[in-house]
C-alpha atoms as a PDB file:
ATOM      1  CA  MET A   1      19.788  47.422 -27.387  1.00  0.00           C
ATOM      2  CA  LYS A   2      16.790  48.830 -25.537  1.00  0.00           C
ATOM      3  CA  LYS A   3      15.082  45.486 -25.484  1.00  0.00           C
ATOM      4  CA  GLY A   4      13.528  45.811 -21.977  1.00  0.00           C
ATOM      5  CA  PHE A   5      12.161  49.227 -22.778  1.00  0.00           C
ATOM      6  CA  THR A   6      10.778  47.958 -26.081  1.00  0.00           C
ATOM      7  CA  LEU A   7       8.888  45.122 -24.339  1.00  0.00           C
ATOM      8  CA  ILE A   8       7.241  47.564 -21.951  1.00  0.00           C
ATOM      9  CA  THR A   9       6.229  49.969 -24.699  1.00  0.00           C
ATOM     10  CA  ASP A  10       4.944  47.050 -26.816  1.00  0.00           C
ATOM     11  CA  PHE A  11       2.809  45.942 -23.864  1.00  0.00           C
ATOM     12  CA  PHE A  12       1.144  49.336 -23.617  1.00  0.00           C
ATOM     13  CA  LYS A  13       0.664  49.555 -27.378  1.00  0.00           C
ATOM     14  CA  LYS A  14      -1.304  46.287 -27.494  1.00  0.00           C
ATOM     15  CA  LYS A  15      -5.022  46.556 -27.864  1.00  0.00           C
ATOM     16  CA  ARG A  16      -7.317  45.367 -25.106  1.00  0.00           C
ATOM     17  CA  SER A  17      -8.669  42.606 -27.328  1.00  0.00           C
ATOM     18  CA  ASP A  18      -5.150  41.204 -27.841  1.00  0.00           C
ATOM     19  CA  MET A  19      -4.532  41.013 -24.088  1.00  0.00           C
ATOM     20  CA  SER A  20      -7.700  39.049 -23.317  1.00  0.00           C
ATOM     21  CA  ALA A  21      -6.477  36.185 -25.476  1.00  0.00           C
ATOM     22  CA  GLN A  22      -3.554  35.600 -23.112  1.00  0.00           C
ATOM     23  CA  PRO A  23      -4.288  33.373 -20.084  1.00  0.00           C
ATOM     24  CA  LEU A  24      -4.277  35.227 -16.743  1.00  0.00           C
ATOM     25  CA  ARG A  25      -1.714  34.108 -14.194  1.00  0.00           C
ATOM     26  CA  GLY A  26      -1.824  34.335 -10.396  1.00  0.00           C
ATOM     27  CA  PHE A  27      -4.656  34.533  -7.888  1.00  0.00           C
ATOM     28  CA  THR A  28      -7.297  37.158  -7.461  1.00  0.00           C
ATOM     29  CA  LEU A  29      -7.611  39.034  -4.206  1.00  0.00           C
ATOM     30  CA  ILE A  30     -10.898  37.242  -3.443  1.00  0.00           C
ATOM     31  CA  GLU A  31      -9.265  33.811  -3.819  1.00  0.00           C
ATOM     32  CA  ILE A  32      -6.436  34.766  -1.494  1.00  0.00           C
ATOM     33  CA  LEU A  33      -8.849  36.144   1.125  1.00  0.00           C
ATOM     34  CA  ILE A  34     -10.977  32.984   0.990  1.00  0.00           C
ATOM     35  CA  VAL A  35      -7.921  30.766   1.541  1.00  0.00           C
ATOM     36  CA  ILE A  36      -6.730  32.913   4.460  1.00  0.00           C
ATOM     37  CA  THR A  37     -10.217  32.775   6.017  1.00  0.00           C
ATOM     38  CA  ILE A  38     -10.390  28.983   5.709  1.00  0.00           C
ATOM     39  CA  ILE A  39      -6.933  28.595   7.265  1.00  0.00           C
ATOM     40  CA  GLY A  40      -7.958  30.905  10.114  1.00  0.00           C
ATOM     41  CA  ILE A  41     -11.115  28.883  10.800  1.00  0.00           C
ATOM     42  CA  LEU A  42      -9.109  25.645  10.843  1.00  0.00           C
ATOM     43  CA  VAL A  43      -6.527  27.097  13.265  1.00  0.00           C
ATOM     44  CA  VAL A  44      -9.239  28.321  15.645  1.00  0.00           C
ATOM     45  CA  ALA A  45     -10.978  24.935  15.529  1.00  0.00           C
ATOM     46  CA  LEU A  46      -7.719  23.097  16.162  1.00  0.00           C
ATOM     47  CA  LEU A  47      -6.726  25.311  19.101  1.00  0.00           C
ATOM     48  CA  GLY A  48     -10.205  24.931  20.557  1.00  0.00           C
ATOM     49  CA  ALA A  49     -10.009  21.153  20.319  1.00  0.00           C
ATOM     50  CA  LEU A  50      -6.505  20.794  21.692  1.00  0.00           C
ATOM     51  CA  ASN A  51      -6.524  23.654  24.211  1.00  0.00           C
ATOM     52  CA  PRO A  52      -2.785  23.683  24.886  1.00  0.00           C
ATOM     53  CA  LEU A  53      -3.108  25.408  28.270  1.00  0.00           C
ATOM     54  CA  GLU A  54      -5.466  22.715  29.512  1.00  0.00           C
ATOM     55  CA  GLN A  55      -3.055  20.035  28.298  1.00  0.00           C
ATOM     56  CA  ILE A  56      -0.266  21.706  30.283  1.00  0.00           C
ATOM     57  CA  ARG A  57      -2.485  21.760  33.392  1.00  0.00           C
ATOM     58  CA  LYS A  58      -3.323  18.073  32.953  1.00  0.00           C
ATOM     59  CA  GLY A  59       0.377  17.282  32.718  1.00  0.00           C
ATOM     60  CA  ALA A  60       1.064  19.251  35.894  1.00  0.00           C
ATOM     61  CA  ASP A  61      -1.762  17.384  37.639  1.00  0.00           C
ATOM     62  CA  ALA A  62      -0.251  14.061  36.611  1.00  0.00           C
ATOM     63  CA  ASP A  63       3.047  15.207  38.159  1.00  0.00           C
ATOM     64  CA  ARG A  64       1.255  16.170  41.389  1.00  0.00           C
ATOM     65  CA  VAL A  65      -0.534  12.821  41.632  1.00  0.00           C
ATOM     66  CA  ASN A  66       2.777  11.042  41.053  1.00  0.00           C
ATOM     67  CA  ASP A  67       4.425  13.135  43.784  1.00  0.00           C
ATOM     68  CA  LEU A  68       1.603  12.270  46.182  1.00  0.00           C
ATOM     69  CA  ARG A  69       2.027   8.578  45.389  1.00  0.00           C
ATOM     70  CA  GLN A  70       5.717   8.871  46.238  1.00  0.00           C
ATOM     71  CA  TYR A  71       4.794  10.449  49.564  1.00  0.00           C
ATOM     72  CA  HIS A  72       2.256   7.675  50.201  1.00  0.00           C
ATOM     73  CA  ILE A  73       4.865   4.966  49.640  1.00  0.00           C
ATOM     74  CA  ALA A  74       7.358   6.831  51.845  1.00  0.00           C
ATOM     75  CA  LEU A  75       4.786   7.243  54.641  1.00  0.00           C
ATOM     76  CA  GLU A  76       3.942   3.542  54.560  1.00  0.00           C
ATOM     77  CA  ASN A  77       7.633   2.616  54.644  1.00  0.00           C
ATOM     78  CA  TYR A  78       8.115   5.068  57.522  1.00  0.00           C
ATOM     79  CA  SER A  79       5.205   3.433  59.352  1.00  0.00           C
ATOM     80  CA  ASN A  80       6.645  -0.051  58.846  1.00  0.00           C
ATOM     81  CA  VAL A  81       9.927   0.996  60.471  1.00  0.00           C
ATOM     82  CA  ASN A  82       8.271   3.002  63.286  1.00  0.00           C
ATOM     83  CA  ASN A  83       5.844   0.436  64.749  1.00  0.00           C
ATOM     84  CA  GLY A  84       2.897   1.434  62.569  1.00  0.00           C
ATOM     85  CA  LEU A  85       3.057   5.128  63.416  1.00  0.00           C
ATOM     86  CA  TYR A  86       3.133   8.050  60.978  1.00  0.00           C
ATOM     87  CA  PRO A  87       4.680  11.499  61.484  1.00  0.00           C
ATOM     88  CA  VAL A  88       2.469  13.414  63.915  1.00  0.00           C
ATOM     89  CA  SER A  89       0.958  16.721  62.868  1.00  0.00           C
ATOM     90  CA  ALA A  90      -2.325  17.620  64.533  1.00  0.00           C
ATOM     91  CA  SER A  91      -2.662  20.677  62.302  1.00  0.00           C
ATOM     92  CA  ILE A  92      -2.491  21.009  58.527  1.00  0.00           C
ATOM     93  CA  VAL A  93       1.087  21.445  57.308  1.00  0.00           C
ATOM     94  CA  ALA A  94       2.783  21.595  53.932  1.00  0.00           C
ATOM     95  CA  LEU A  95       3.652  18.052  52.907  1.00  0.00           C
ATOM     96  CA  ARG A  96       7.176  19.073  51.911  1.00  0.00           C
ATOM     97  CA  ASN A  97       7.850  19.997  55.564  1.00  0.00           C
ATOM     98  CA  LEU A  98       7.601  16.304  56.446  1.00  0.00           C
ATOM     99  CA  CYS A  99      10.758  15.524  54.513  1.00  0.00           C
ATOM    100  CA  ASN A 100      12.941  16.605  57.423  1.00  0.00           C
ATOM    101  CA  VAL A 101      10.819  15.478  60.381  1.00  0.00           C
ATOM    102  CA  GLY A 102      10.036  12.206  62.052  1.00  0.00           C
ATOM    103  CA  SER A 103      11.894   9.665  64.071  1.00  0.00           C
ATOM    104  CA  PRO A 104      15.377   9.159  62.743  1.00  0.00           C
ATOM    105  CA  PRO A 105      15.672   8.746  59.840  1.00  0.00           C
ATOM    106  CA  PRO A 106      13.340  11.482  58.562  1.00  0.00           C
ATOM    107  CA  LEU A 107      10.735  10.857  55.851  1.00  0.00           C
ATOM    108  CA  ARG A 108      13.086  11.869  53.021  1.00  0.00           C
ATOM    109  CA  ALA A 109      15.112   8.729  53.747  1.00  0.00           C
ATOM    110  CA  TYR A 110      12.201   6.658  52.396  1.00  0.00           C
ATOM    111  CA  MET A 111      12.111   8.277  48.952  1.00  0.00           C
ATOM    112  CA  SER A 112      14.608   9.390  46.353  1.00  0.00           C
ATOM    113  CA  GLY A 113      14.465  13.093  47.145  1.00  0.00           C
ATOM    114  CA  CYS A 114      11.435  15.028  48.276  1.00  0.00           C
ATOM    115  CA  PRO A 115       9.164  16.033  45.386  1.00  0.00           C
ATOM    116  CA  THR A 116       9.056  19.751  44.737  1.00  0.00           C
ATOM    117  CA  ASP A 117       5.820  21.641  45.234  1.00  0.00           C
ATOM    118  CA  ALA A 118       6.410  25.150  43.924  1.00  0.00           C
ATOM    119  CA  GLN A 119       2.808  26.211  44.513  1.00  0.00           C
ATOM    120  CA  ASN A 120       2.737  24.703  48.027  1.00  0.00           C
ATOM    121  CA  THR A 121      -0.500  22.810  47.325  1.00  0.00           C
ATOM    122  CA  HIS A 122       0.429  19.503  49.011  1.00  0.00           C
ATOM    123  CA  LYS A 123      -0.942  19.366  52.567  1.00  0.00           C
ATOM    124  CA  TYR A 124      -0.815  16.795  55.387  1.00  0.00           C
ATOM    125  CA  ILE A 125      -2.601  16.182  58.673  1.00  0.00           C
ATOM    126  CA  SER A 126      -2.493  13.266  61.117  1.00  0.00           C
ATOM    127  CA  ASP A 127      -4.138  12.466  64.396  1.00  0.00           C
ATOM    128  CA  GLY A 128      -2.311  13.255  67.637  1.00  0.00           C
ATOM    129  CA  SER A 129      -1.116   9.673  68.069  1.00  0.00           C
ATOM    130  CA  GLY A 130       0.248   9.182  64.532  1.00  0.00           C
ATOM    131  CA  THR A 131      -2.019   6.232  63.726  1.00  0.00           C
ATOM    132  CA  THR A 132      -3.844   7.777  60.760  1.00  0.00           C
ATOM    133  CA  TYR A 133      -3.371  10.583  58.250  1.00  0.00           C
ATOM    134  CA  VAL A 134      -4.811  12.365  55.233  1.00  0.00           C
ATOM    135  CA  PHE A 135      -2.810  14.297  52.678  1.00  0.00           C
ATOM    136  CA  TRP A 136      -3.802  16.000  49.457  1.00  0.00           C
ATOM    137  CA  GLY A 137      -2.719  18.203  46.592  1.00  0.00           C
ATOM    138  CA  LYS A 138      -4.688  20.785  44.644  1.00  0.00           C
ATOM    139  CA  LEU A 139      -5.253  19.916  40.986  1.00  0.00           C
ATOM    140  CA  SER A 140      -5.318  22.654  38.359  1.00  0.00           C
ATOM    141  CA  ALA A 141      -7.051  21.206  35.282  1.00  0.00           C
ATOM    142  CA  LYS A 142     -10.594  22.168  34.316  1.00  0.00           C
ATOM    143  CA  GLY A 143     -13.116  20.994  36.895  1.00  0.00           C
ATOM    144  CA  ALA A 144     -10.293  19.968  39.195  1.00  0.00           C
ATOM    145  CA  GLY A 145     -10.458  19.468  42.912  1.00  0.00           C
ATOM    146  CA  PHE A 146      -8.006  17.822  45.282  1.00  0.00           C
ATOM    147  CA  TRP A 147      -6.204  14.514  44.898  1.00  0.00           C
ATOM    148  CA  THR A 148      -6.462  12.949  48.330  1.00  0.00           C
ATOM    149  CA  VAL A 149      -4.658   9.999  49.925  1.00  0.00           C
ATOM    150  CA  CYS A 150      -5.748   8.428  53.211  1.00  0.00           C
ATOM    151  CA  ALA A 151      -3.959   6.116  55.645  1.00  0.00           C
ATOM    152  CA  ASN A 152      -6.509   3.377  54.906  1.00  0.00           C
ATOM    153  CA  GLY A 153      -5.049   3.133  51.366  1.00  0.00           C
ATOM    154  CA  LYS A 154      -7.827   5.002  49.576  1.00  0.00           C
ATOM    155  CA  SER A 155      -6.877   7.701  47.089  1.00  0.00           C
ATOM    156  CA  GLY A 156      -8.870   9.754  44.644  1.00  0.00           C
ATOM    157  CA  LYS A 157     -10.276  13.099  43.675  1.00  0.00           C
ATOM    158  CA  VAL A 158     -12.513  15.135  45.967  1.00  0.00           C
ATOM    159  CA  THR A 159     -14.124  18.492  45.241  1.00  0.00           C
ATOM    160  CA  SER A 160     -13.423  20.249  48.530  1.00  0.00           C
ATOM    161  CA  GLU A 161     -10.213  20.522  50.498  1.00  0.00           C
ATOM    162  CA  PRO A 162      -9.985  18.132  53.460  1.00  0.00           C
ATOM    163  CA  THR A 163     -10.002  19.874  56.840  1.00  0.00           C
ATOM    164  CA  SER A 164      -9.541  16.984  59.254  1.00  0.00           C
ATOM    165  CA  VAL A 165      -7.848  13.611  59.624  1.00  0.00           C
ATOM    166  CA  ASN A 166     -11.110  11.875  58.614  1.00  0.00           C
ATOM    167  CA  CYS A 167     -10.813  10.383  55.117  1.00  0.00           C
ATOM    168  CA  PRO A 168     -13.224  12.243  52.771  1.00  0.00           C
ATOM    169  CA  LEU A 169     -13.207   9.401  50.230  1.00  0.00           C
ATOM    170  CA  PRO A 170     -16.136   6.966  50.154  1.00  0.00           C
END
């Protein structure tokens, strides 16, 4: 009835030469360490290639550019209704502040809700007469600058933040 105990004692009674005839099962420590090292190298290479944080920044930049396009369409619609004039702001203001200003109706009436700008990176400036404007948003991806939109219809990326109503795009 002591079968389990008998198997253990039989194992220890076997000679070394008898045990070498049996095939070894399992992995050696070296094999396991090599596999773990290879997996680690592959993970580091994959994270380096994909760079998830950079992908998140690129997605946020795409959202910002889309928001700026919505503002551009709203400003042009505003201008069409207000005899070719844009909201006047001779100094740089946050673009989201324009949602509630302007001749009745305010700018928000020309878009489906004002886009949110949690980091307050969207800026706007116009000349004193409201005939031209420049607005921009700071991009956050690697090597980013500012996505800029001008009243003349040009839009694109510039490296430095606009400081006047003059369009910095070529």
